[in-house]
């Protein structure tokens, strides 16, 4: 349970939210739409992730992974114990979430104040940072405003309070919760492989999203390359077939573990995390002759899971390309950077004033071609 009843005698209507005090912590937060209505299409999911990152940057929270579904979202966050910034840095954070006019008005008022008042204004902004309840409040509120304005609707968008579950800083807990989040679309039957869902942290990272990759990089390094027992057993059998002397197997596996504990690049991070994902995402089928049969659970076929173990979680290039194919269908144009810049110049009025360049790299595909995103 994310909340508990507190107090003596009559129960409170709203339970206290249990969060660690005076220390940083990991937390899994989730919230559903009102009446669990399927309100989020691609445009809505894209905007939610944009606002999620904007307010997380402002609040100094770290996004480990996320998943935005059609009627709810999951996010795993790192919440620092305290945030200390200079005034210039506070202005930079405000510029990320406020309009230029609002920031200018706030700064103009700030400069007219005395030393004590200035400190209070800075302290009021800092109090909103490293603050999970405040972060969730402003995230859901700002997204609701955007949604209602663009859909011509009004009223509440979310169903009651968000739920929060604090996660222990241990490899098993961190990797298990992250896998639960990234496996949501697989369990819902929306995809047959979690890498195909671009609105999750893992799917976005595979498609080349640098911010999503940083989150999973942090996770895998914190988990020290932890791998499930089944994957280690498969690797041990592989070494038995290739090593001439059985005494070489243990040192070899120890060496591989030390390398996983400090992945050198995204490829190694991805491999370690994918092994964990497919292990947790294994499908379950009804067992014949068992009285208490468990429900069939959608997931990855056990045979495919073994194949992933044997391949050490490596994702072939053609699968990576499939996650990036939207650049060929949902963008405006694709080609050399010079060609895209010339095309943008012809239609400059169609792009926002903050758009500096037309070309956007389609990561890991090629160093030659780029894509122009939607107007």
Protein backbone atom coordinates (compact mmCIF):
# COMPACT_ATOMS: atom_id res chain seq x y z
CA UNK A 1 0.00 0.00 0.00
CA UNK A 2 1.30 3.45 -0.85
CA UNK A 3 -0.51 5.14 2.05
CA UNK A 4 -1.48 4.17 5.60
CA UNK A 5 -4.09 5.51 8.00
CA UNK A 6 -2.59 7.60 10.77
CA UNK A 7 -3.95 9.03 14.02
CA UNK A 8 -5.93 7.69 16.95
CA UNK A 9 -9.67 7.06 16.90
CA UNK A 10 -11.55 8.14 13.78
CA UNK A 11 -9.65 7.45 10.55
CA UNK A 12 -8.60 10.34 8.43
CA UNK A 13 -10.18 10.71 5.03
CA UNK A 14 -6.78 10.99 3.38
CA UNK A 15 -4.00 8.75 4.63
CA UNK A 16 -0.52 10.06 5.25
CA UNK A 17 1.90 9.44 2.43
CA UNK A 18 4.83 7.41 3.76
CA UNK A 19 8.08 8.83 2.38
CA UNK A 20 11.62 8.64 3.86
CA UNK A 21 12.73 11.75 5.73
CA UNK A 22 16.08 13.51 5.50
CA UNK A 23 17.41 11.17 2.82
CA UNK A 24 17.11 10.57 -0.89
CA UNK A 25 14.94 7.71 -2.09
CA UNK A 26 13.59 5.85 -5.11
CA UNK A 27 9.84 5.79 -5.62
CA UNK A 28 7.36 4.30 -8.08
CA UNK A 29 4.40 6.60 -8.78
CA UNK A 30 1.30 5.87 -10.84
CA UNK A 31 -2.01 7.56 -11.57
CA UNK A 32 -5.09 6.72 -13.70
CA UNK A 33 -7.50 8.83 -15.70
CA UNK A 34 -10.99 9.51 -14.40
CA UNK A 35 -13.19 6.41 -14.80
CA UNK A 36 -10.10 4.77 -16.37
CA UNK A 37 -11.10 6.19 -19.76
CA UNK A 38 -8.68 5.59 -22.64
CA UNK A 39 -7.80 9.23 -23.31
CA UNK A 40 -4.18 9.10 -24.37
CA UNK A 41 -3.17 8.69 -27.99
CA UNK A 42 0.32 9.25 -29.38
CA UNK A 43 0.08 13.06 -29.20
CA UNK A 44 -1.10 12.96 -25.59
CA UNK A 45 1.61 10.50 -24.57
CA UNK A 46 4.27 12.60 -26.25
CA UNK A 47 3.14 15.74 -24.43
CA UNK A 48 2.92 13.95 -21.08
CA UNK A 49 6.52 12.73 -21.39
CA UNK A 50 7.60 16.24 -22.37
CA UNK A 51 5.95 17.76 -19.29
CA UNK A 52 7.21 14.91 -17.11
CA UNK A 53 10.79 15.70 -18.08
CA UNK A 54 10.34 19.47 -17.80
CA UNK A 55 9.00 19.32 -14.26
CA UNK A 56 11.45 16.60 -13.22
CA UNK A 57 14.34 18.83 -14.35
CA UNK A 58 12.86 21.76 -12.45
CA UNK A 59 12.33 19.66 -9.31
CA UNK A 60 15.80 18.07 -9.51
CA UNK A 61 14.25 14.60 -9.69
CA UNK A 62 15.84 11.80 -11.70
CA UNK A 63 13.64 9.73 -14.02
CA UNK A 64 14.86 6.13 -13.99
CA UNK A 65 12.19 4.76 -16.32
CA UNK A 66 8.58 5.43 -17.26
CA UNK A 67 5.61 4.01 -19.15
CA UNK A 68 2.62 5.98 -20.42
CA UNK A 69 -0.36 3.77 -21.24
CA UNK A 70 -3.74 4.69 -22.75
CA UNK A 71 -5.35 5.45 -19.38
CA UNK A 72 -2.56 5.62 -16.80
CA UNK A 73 1.15 6.12 -16.32
CA UNK A 74 4.02 4.68 -14.29
CA UNK A 75 7.23 6.51 -13.38
CA UNK A 76 10.21 5.43 -11.28
CA UNK A 77 11.97 8.45 -9.77
CA UNK A 78 14.97 9.34 -7.68
CA UNK A 79 14.07 12.06 -5.17
CA UNK A 80 17.06 13.87 -3.57
CA UNK A 81 17.09 14.72 0.12
CA UNK A 82 17.67 18.42 -0.49
CA UNK A 83 18.44 20.84 -3.31
CA UNK A 84 20.78 23.83 -3.06
CA UNK A 85 21.05 26.25 -5.99
CA UNK A 86 22.31 29.75 -6.64
CA UNK A 87 19.89 32.40 -7.89
CA UNK A 88 21.18 32.13 -11.47
CA UNK A 89 20.55 28.38 -11.41
CA UNK A 90 17.05 28.93 -10.02
CA UNK A 91 16.31 31.23 -12.96
CA UNK A 92 17.47 28.52 -15.35
CA UNK A 93 15.06 26.04 -13.75
CA UNK A 94 12.19 28.53 -13.96
CA UNK A 95 12.92 29.17 -17.63
CA UNK A 96 12.32 25.48 -18.25
CA UNK A 97 8.73 25.51 -16.96
CA UNK A 98 7.53 29.14 -17.10
CA UNK A 99 7.03 31.47 -20.05
CA UNK A 100 9.69 34.09 -20.71
CA UNK A 101 7.27 36.85 -19.73
CA UNK A 102 6.50 35.24 -16.38
CA UNK A 103 10.17 34.67 -15.58
CA UNK A 104 10.99 38.28 -16.55
CA UNK A 105 8.21 39.61 -14.30
CA UNK A 106 9.35 37.41 -11.40
CA UNK A 107 12.99 38.51 -11.82
CA UNK A 108 12.02 42.18 -12.10
CA UNK A 109 10.10 41.95 -8.82
CA UNK A 110 13.00 40.01 -7.25
CA UNK A 111 15.55 42.73 -8.09
CA UNK A 112 13.39 45.39 -6.38
CA UNK A 113 13.40 43.48 -3.08
CA UNK A 114 15.77 43.68 -0.15
CA UNK A 115 18.24 40.95 0.83
CA UNK A 116 15.84 39.22 3.22
CA UNK A 117 12.95 39.18 0.76
CA UNK A 118 15.20 37.85 -1.99
CA UNK A 119 16.29 34.98 0.20
CA UNK A 120 12.66 34.17 0.95
CA UNK A 121 11.75 34.17 -2.76
CA UNK A 122 14.64 31.83 -3.57
CA UNK A 123 13.74 29.62 -0.62
CA UNK A 124 10.11 29.40 -1.81
CA UNK A 125 11.25 28.08 -5.19
CA UNK A 126 13.79 25.70 -3.65
CA UNK A 127 11.08 24.29 -1.36
CA UNK A 128 9.32 23.00 -4.48
CA UNK A 129 12.41 21.03 -5.51
CA UNK A 130 13.16 17.56 -4.21
CA UNK A 131 9.48 17.52 -3.23
CA UNK A 132 7.53 14.54 -4.62
CA UNK A 133 3.99 15.71 -3.68
CA UNK A 134 4.61 19.15 -5.18
CA UNK A 135 6.11 17.61 -8.32
CA UNK A 136 3.13 15.31 -8.85
CA UNK A 137 0.66 18.11 -8.17
CA UNK A 138 2.11 20.50 -10.72
CA UNK A 139 2.75 17.74 -13.30
CA UNK A 140 -0.84 16.51 -13.26
CA UNK A 141 -2.26 20.02 -13.08
CA UNK A 142 -0.21 21.40 -15.98
CA UNK A 143 -1.00 18.38 -18.12
CA UNK A 144 -4.72 18.66 -17.33
CA UNK A 145 -4.69 22.29 -18.44
CA UNK A 146 -2.96 21.39 -21.71
CA UNK A 147 -5.33 18.50 -22.35
CA UNK A 148 -8.49 20.52 -21.70
CA UNK A 149 -7.30 23.43 -23.83
CA UNK A 150 -6.46 21.19 -26.78
CA UNK A 151 -9.56 18.99 -26.50
CA UNK A 152 -12.06 21.69 -25.68
CA UNK A 153 -12.99 19.94 -22.44
CA UNK A 154 -13.05 20.95 -18.79
CA UNK A 155 -12.92 19.39 -15.36
CA UNK A 156 -10.77 16.78 -13.67
CA UNK A 157 -8.69 14.45 -15.82
CA UNK A 158 -7.27 12.17 -13.13
CA UNK A 159 -8.96 9.65 -10.86
CA UNK A 160 -8.23 10.66 -7.22
CA UNK A 161 -4.69 10.84 -5.80
CA UNK A 162 -1.59 9.35 -7.30
CA UNK A 163 -0.13 6.26 -5.67
CA UNK A 164 3.46 6.09 -4.49
CA UNK A 165 5.55 3.10 -3.44
CA UNK A 166 9.02 3.71 -2.02
CA UNK A 167 11.62 1.32 -3.45
CA UNK A 168 14.58 0.06 -1.44
CA UNK A 169 18.02 0.90 -2.80
CA UNK A 170 18.93 -2.71 -3.63
CA UNK A 171 19.60 -4.43 -6.99
CA UNK A 172 16.67 -6.85 -6.75
CA UNK A 173 14.12 -4.19 -5.74
CA UNK A 174 15.25 -1.57 -8.26
CA UNK A 175 15.45 -3.92 -11.24
CA UNK A 176 12.17 -5.65 -10.37
CA UNK A 177 10.16 -2.44 -10.17
CA UNK A 178 11.76 -1.01 -13.32
CA UNK A 179 10.98 -4.23 -15.21
CA UNK A 180 7.38 -4.14 -13.96
CA UNK A 181 7.02 -0.63 -15.41
CA UNK A 182 8.61 -1.38 -18.79
CA UNK A 183 6.68 -4.66 -19.16
CA UNK A 184 3.26 -3.00 -18.82
CA UNK A 185 2.52 -2.87 -22.58
CA UNK A 186 3.69 -6.49 -22.96
CA UNK A 187 1.40 -7.71 -20.18
CA UNK A 188 -1.49 -5.73 -21.70
CA UNK A 189 -0.97 -7.50 -25.03
CA UNK A 190 -0.16 -4.26 -26.87
CA UNK A 191 3.24 -5.50 -28.08
CA UNK A 192 5.06 -8.83 -28.21
CA UNK A 193 8.37 -7.29 -27.15
CA UNK A 194 8.84 -4.36 -24.71
CA UNK A 195 11.34 -2.67 -27.04
CA UNK A 196 8.50 -2.00 -29.53
CA UNK A 197 6.64 0.34 -27.17
CA UNK A 198 8.25 3.77 -27.61
CA UNK A 199 6.24 5.37 -24.80
CA UNK A 200 8.18 3.41 -22.17
CA UNK A 201 11.65 4.11 -20.85
CA UNK A 202 13.11 0.97 -22.41
CA UNK A 203 11.37 1.42 -25.77
CA UNK A 204 12.46 5.06 -25.93
CA UNK A 205 16.05 4.13 -25.02
CA UNK A 206 16.20 1.49 -27.76
CA UNK A 207 14.90 4.04 -30.26
CA UNK A 208 17.81 6.35 -29.38
CA UNK A 209 16.36 8.63 -26.69
CA UNK A 210 19.41 9.89 -24.78
CA UNK A 211 17.48 10.86 -21.64
CA UNK A 212 15.84 7.44 -21.42
CA UNK A 213 19.24 5.78 -21.90
CA UNK A 214 20.70 7.82 -19.03
CA UNK A 215 17.94 6.62 -16.72
CA UNK A 216 18.54 2.95 -17.50
CA UNK A 217 22.31 3.48 -17.36
CA UNK A 218 21.90 4.76 -13.80
CA UNK A 219 19.66 1.82 -12.93
CA UNK A 220 21.98 -0.90 -14.24
CA UNK A 221 25.04 0.65 -12.59
CA UNK A 222 23.18 0.88 -9.28
CA UNK A 223 22.15 -2.75 -9.69
CA UNK A 224 25.83 -3.63 -10.30
CA UNK A 225 25.06 -5.74 -13.37
CA UNK A 226 22.77 -8.03 -11.39
CA UNK A 227 21.46 -10.89 -13.55
CA UNK A 228 18.79 -13.55 -12.89
CA UNK A 229 19.90 -17.03 -11.86
CA UNK A 230 18.42 -18.68 -14.98
CA UNK A 231 20.54 -16.49 -17.27
CA UNK A 232 23.70 -17.33 -15.30
CA UNK A 233 22.87 -21.04 -15.52
CA UNK A 234 22.56 -20.82 -19.31
CA UNK A 235 25.87 -18.98 -19.52
CA UNK A 236 27.52 -21.63 -17.35
CA UNK A 237 26.32 -24.34 -19.74
CA UNK A 238 27.66 -22.34 -22.68
CA UNK A 239 31.09 -22.17 -21.08
CA UNK A 240 31.03 -25.89 -20.36
CA UNK A 241 30.70 -26.51 -24.09
CA UNK A 242 33.49 -24.10 -25.06
CA UNK A 243 36.03 -24.25 -22.24
CA UNK A 244 38.50 -27.11 -22.26
CA UNK A 245 38.97 -27.20 -18.49
CA UNK A 246 36.03 -26.97 -16.06
CA UNK A 247 38.26 -25.08 -13.64
CA UNK A 248 38.28 -22.12 -16.05
CA UNK A 249 34.51 -21.65 -15.87
CA UNK A 250 34.30 -20.00 -12.44
CA UNK A 251 37.09 -17.42 -13.10
CA UNK A 252 35.52 -16.62 -16.49
CA UNK A 253 32.08 -16.02 -14.98
CA UNK A 254 33.63 -13.92 -12.20
CA UNK A 255 35.40 -11.81 -14.82
CA UNK A 256 32.16 -11.31 -16.77
CA UNK A 257 30.35 -10.30 -13.60
CA UNK A 258 32.95 -7.64 -12.80
CA UNK A 259 32.49 -6.22 -16.30
CA UNK A 260 28.71 -6.11 -15.88
CA UNK A 261 29.12 -4.30 -12.58
CA UNK A 262 30.57 -1.32 -14.45
CA UNK A 263 29.11 -1.25 -18.00
CA UNK A 264 31.30 0.78 -20.31
CA UNK A 265 28.66 1.91 -22.80
CA UNK A 266 24.97 1.83 -23.69
CA UNK A 267 25.32 -1.49 -25.52
CA UNK A 268 26.44 -3.24 -22.32
CA UNK A 269 23.77 -1.46 -20.25
CA UNK A 270 21.07 -2.48 -22.71
CA UNK A 271 22.19 -6.10 -22.74
CA UNK A 272 22.17 -6.39 -18.94
CA UNK A 273 18.76 -4.75 -18.64
CA UNK A 274 17.21 -6.77 -21.46
CA UNK A 275 18.26 -10.03 -19.80
CA UNK A 276 16.42 -8.92 -16.69
CA UNK A 277 13.38 -7.77 -18.69
CA UNK A 278 12.91 -11.02 -20.60
CA UNK A 279 13.36 -12.97 -17.38
CA UNK A 280 10.57 -11.00 -15.68
CA UNK A 281 8.51 -10.93 -18.87
CA UNK A 282 8.37 -14.68 -19.36
CA UNK A 283 4.84 -15.85 -20.19
CA UNK A 284 3.01 -18.34 -17.98
CA UNK A 285 0.72 -21.07 -19.28
CA UNK A 286 -1.79 -23.32 -17.59
CA UNK A 287 -0.33 -26.58 -16.31
CA UNK A 288 -2.32 -29.74 -17.03
CA UNK A 289 -3.27 -31.88 -14.06
CA UNK A 290 -2.84 -29.12 -11.49
CA UNK A 291 -5.86 -28.35 -9.30
CA UNK A 292 -5.09 -24.67 -8.73
CA UNK A 293 -4.16 -23.58 -12.23
CA UNK A 294 -2.74 -20.11 -12.44
CA UNK A 295 -3.99 -17.70 -15.05
CA UNK A 296 -2.26 -17.55 -18.38
CA UNK A 297 -0.13 -14.40 -18.36
CA UNK A 298 0.81 -12.61 -21.56
CA UNK A 299 4.52 -12.30 -22.07
CA UNK A 300 7.57 -13.60 -23.91
CA UNK A 301 7.66 -17.24 -24.93
CA UNK A 302 9.99 -19.26 -22.62
CA UNK A 303 11.88 -20.59 -25.66
CA UNK A 304 12.58 -17.03 -26.79
CA UNK A 305 13.71 -16.17 -23.26
CA UNK A 306 16.33 -18.93 -23.39
CA UNK A 307 17.46 -17.63 -26.79
CA UNK A 308 17.87 -14.16 -25.24
CA UNK A 309 19.99 -15.65 -22.46
CA UNK A 310 22.21 -17.37 -25.02
CA UNK A 311 22.57 -14.14 -27.01
CA UNK A 312 23.47 -12.24 -23.79
CA UNK A 313 20.59 -9.81 -24.34
CA UNK A 314 22.05 -8.42 -27.57
CA UNK A 315 19.42 -6.69 -29.74
CA UNK A 316 20.06 -7.22 -33.48
CA UNK A 317 20.37 -4.11 -35.64
CA UNK A 318 17.20 -4.91 -37.60
CA UNK A 319 15.16 -4.83 -34.38
CA UNK A 320 16.65 -1.47 -33.43
CA UNK A 321 15.78 -0.14 -36.86
CA UNK A 322 12.17 -1.26 -36.47
CA UNK A 323 11.80 0.95 -33.40
CA UNK A 324 13.07 3.93 -35.40
CA UNK A 325 10.94 3.36 -38.50
CA UNK A 326 8.60 6.17 -37.39
CA UNK A 327 11.25 8.58 -38.70
CA UNK A 328 10.31 7.40 -42.19
CA UNK A 329 6.55 7.65 -41.70
CA UNK A 330 5.79 10.29 -39.06
CA UNK A 331 8.42 12.86 -39.87
CA UNK A 332 8.30 15.62 -42.47
CA UNK A 333 11.39 14.74 -44.49
CA UNK A 334 14.57 12.66 -44.40
CA UNK A 335 17.96 13.22 -46.04
CA UNK A 336 21.22 15.13 -45.63
CA UNK A 337 21.32 17.99 -43.12
CA UNK A 338 21.86 20.62 -45.82
CA UNK A 339 18.81 19.42 -47.72
CA UNK A 340 16.62 19.57 -44.60
CA UNK A 341 17.87 23.03 -43.64
CA UNK A 342 17.05 24.35 -47.11
CA UNK A 343 13.58 22.78 -46.94
CA UNK A 344 12.96 24.34 -43.52
CA UNK A 345 14.04 27.77 -44.81
CA UNK A 346 11.36 27.58 -47.52
CA UNK A 347 8.68 26.95 -44.88
CA UNK A 348 10.18 28.88 -41.94
CA UNK A 349 6.85 30.43 -40.96
CA UNK A 350 5.44 26.94 -40.32
CA UNK A 351 7.96 26.30 -37.54
CA UNK A 352 8.05 27.79 -34.07
CA UNK A 353 10.45 30.63 -33.22
CA UNK A 354 12.47 28.36 -30.91
CA UNK A 355 13.19 25.85 -33.67
CA UNK A 356 16.89 26.34 -34.37
CA UNK A 357 17.62 23.56 -36.84
CA UNK A 358 15.73 21.16 -39.07
CA UNK A 359 17.89 18.04 -38.90
CA UNK A 360 17.38 15.44 -36.18
CA UNK A 361 19.68 12.41 -36.12
CA UNK A 362 18.11 8.98 -36.52
CA UNK A 363 20.41 7.36 -34.01
CA UNK A 364 22.61 4.33 -34.78
CA UNK A 365 21.20 4.04 -38.30
CA UNK A 366 23.75 6.10 -40.14
CA UNK A 367 25.95 9.14 -39.71
CA UNK A 368 24.89 10.49 -43.09
CA UNK A 369 21.11 10.92 -43.03
CA UNK A 370 18.90 12.84 -40.62
CA UNK A 371 15.16 13.38 -40.26
CA UNK A 372 12.98 16.46 -39.92
CA UNK A 373 10.39 16.03 -37.21
CA UNK A 374 6.73 17.00 -37.43
CA UNK A 375 5.86 20.70 -37.72
